[in-house]
C-alpha atoms as a PDB file:
ATOM      1  CA  MET A   1       6.629  19.423 -20.797  1.00  0.00           C
ATOM      2  CA  SER A   2      10.039  18.218 -22.002  1.00  0.00           C
ATOM      3  CA  ASP A   3      12.070  20.032 -19.343  1.00  0.00           C
ATOM      4  CA  ALA A   4      10.143  18.664 -16.327  1.00  0.00           C
ATOM      5  CA  THR A   5      12.107  17.369 -13.359  1.00  0.00           C
ATOM      6  CA  TYR A   6      10.714  14.810 -10.937  1.00  0.00           C
ATOM      7  CA  LYS A   7      11.457  13.677  -7.416  1.00  0.00           C
ATOM      8  CA  LYS A   8      10.673  10.230  -6.015  1.00  0.00           C
ATOM      9  CA  ILE A   9       9.842   9.425  -2.414  1.00  0.00           C
ATOM     10  CA  GLU A  10       9.242   6.072  -0.784  1.00  0.00           C
ATOM     11  CA  LEU A  11       6.373   5.515   1.652  1.00  0.00           C
ATOM     12  CA  VAL A  12       4.718   2.606   3.430  1.00  0.00           C
ATOM     13  CA  GLY A  13       0.922   2.540   3.367  1.00  0.00           C
ATOM     14  CA  LYS A  14      -1.158   0.333   5.648  1.00  0.00           C
ATOM     15  CA  SER A  15      -4.743  -0.892   5.689  1.00  0.00           C
ATOM     16  CA  PRO A  16      -6.764  -3.488   7.589  1.00  0.00           C
ATOM     17  CA  LYS A  17      -8.782  -4.214   4.398  1.00  0.00           C
ATOM     18  CA  SER A  18      -6.591  -4.611   1.290  1.00  0.00           C
ATOM     19  CA  PHE A  19      -3.360  -3.870  -0.552  1.00  0.00           C
ATOM     20  CA  SER A  20      -5.293  -1.530  -2.818  1.00  0.00           C
ATOM     21  CA  GLU A  21      -6.522   0.517   0.120  1.00  0.00           C
ATOM     22  CA  ALA A  22      -2.995   0.587   1.571  1.00  0.00           C
ATOM     23  CA  VAL A  23      -1.760   2.177  -1.686  1.00  0.00           C
ATOM     24  CA  ALA A  24      -4.618   4.678  -1.646  1.00  0.00           C
ATOM     25  CA  ASN A  25      -3.839   5.584   1.975  1.00  0.00           C
ATOM     26  CA  ALA A  26      -0.181   6.304   1.136  1.00  0.00           C
ATOM     27  CA  VAL A  27      -1.087   8.433  -1.897  1.00  0.00           C
ATOM     28  CA  THR A  28      -3.778  10.339   0.027  1.00  0.00           C
ATOM     29  CA  LYS A  29      -1.344  11.111   2.841  1.00  0.00           C
ATOM     30  CA  ALA A  30       1.358  12.267   0.404  1.00  0.00           C
ATOM     31  CA  ALA A  31      -1.140  14.537  -1.372  1.00  0.00           C
ATOM     32  CA  LYS A  32      -1.766  16.429   1.880  1.00  0.00           C
ATOM     33  CA  THR A  33       1.745  17.913   1.884  1.00  0.00           C
ATOM     34  CA  LEU A  34       2.995  17.507  -1.700  1.00  0.00           C
ATOM     35  CA  HIS A  35       1.623  18.683  -5.025  1.00  0.00           C
ATOM     36  CA  ASN A  36       2.081  17.690  -8.678  1.00  0.00           C
ATOM     37  CA  LEU A  37       1.840  13.973  -7.816  1.00  0.00           C
ATOM     38  CA  ASP A  38       2.043  12.078 -11.118  1.00  0.00           C
ATOM     39  CA  TRP A  39       2.565   8.346 -10.517  1.00  0.00           C
ATOM     40  CA  PHE A  40       3.190   5.578  -8.028  1.00  0.00           C
ATOM     41  CA  GLU A  41       5.003   2.263  -8.198  1.00  0.00           C
ATOM     42  CA  VAL A  42       4.381  -0.629  -5.797  1.00  0.00           C
ATOM     43  CA  VAL A  43       7.797  -1.844  -4.681  1.00  0.00           C
ATOM     44  CA  GLU A  44       6.846  -4.393  -2.042  1.00  0.00           C
ATOM     45  CA  GLN A  45       3.759  -6.007  -0.558  1.00  0.00           C
ATOM     46  CA  ARG A  46       3.592  -7.670   2.822  1.00  0.00           C
ATOM     47  CA  GLY A  47       1.160  -8.185   5.648  1.00  0.00           C
ATOM     48  CA  ARG A  48       0.797  -8.798   9.311  1.00  0.00           C
ATOM     49  CA  ILE A  49      -0.647 -11.966  10.824  1.00  0.00           C
ATOM     50  CA  VAL A  50      -2.285 -12.025  14.243  1.00  0.00           C
ATOM     51  CA  ASP A  51      -3.768 -15.199  15.726  1.00  0.00           C
ATOM     52  CA  GLY A  52      -3.466 -17.000  12.393  1.00  0.00           C
ATOM     53  CA  LYS A  53      -5.373 -14.346  10.427  1.00  0.00           C
ATOM     54  CA  VAL A  54      -4.375 -11.450   8.199  1.00  0.00           C
ATOM     55  CA  SER A  55      -4.688  -8.321  10.314  1.00  0.00           C
ATOM     56  CA  GLU A  56      -2.964  -5.710   8.147  1.00  0.00           C
ATOM     57  CA  TYR A  57      -1.878  -5.161   4.554  1.00  0.00           C
ATOM     58  CA  GLN A  58       1.270  -3.125   3.955  1.00  0.00           C
ATOM     59  CA  VAL A  59       2.752  -1.767   0.740  1.00  0.00           C
ATOM     60  CA  THR A  60       5.924   0.113   0.015  1.00  0.00           C
ATOM     61  CA  VAL A  61       5.306   2.581  -2.794  1.00  0.00           C
ATOM     62  CA  LYS A  62       7.472   5.034  -4.667  1.00  0.00           C
ATOM     63  CA  ILE A  63       5.576   8.196  -5.520  1.00  0.00           C
ATOM     64  CA  GLY A  64       6.805  10.542  -8.223  1.00  0.00           C
ATOM     65  CA  PHE A  65       5.990  14.230  -8.342  1.00  0.00           C
ATOM     66  CA  ARG A  66       6.971  17.055 -10.653  1.00  0.00           C
ATOM     67  CA  LEU A  67       9.098  19.825  -9.185  1.00  0.00           C
ATOM     68  CA  ASP A  68       8.027  23.448  -9.722  1.00  0.00           C
END
């Protein structure tokens, strides 16, 4: 589709297990209210430390979706 137009949003996903799961959580949440999701881009990775241990993985992702 050569005349497609896209919009990008930025979200932060979180997970206690991994960066990968944090991305999946953000995409899954976006898919509940948006449609035509086409791609994501990881912009930033970071985490939270509690008592000297990793307690949370966080990712900032840009998600692109095609407008109707």
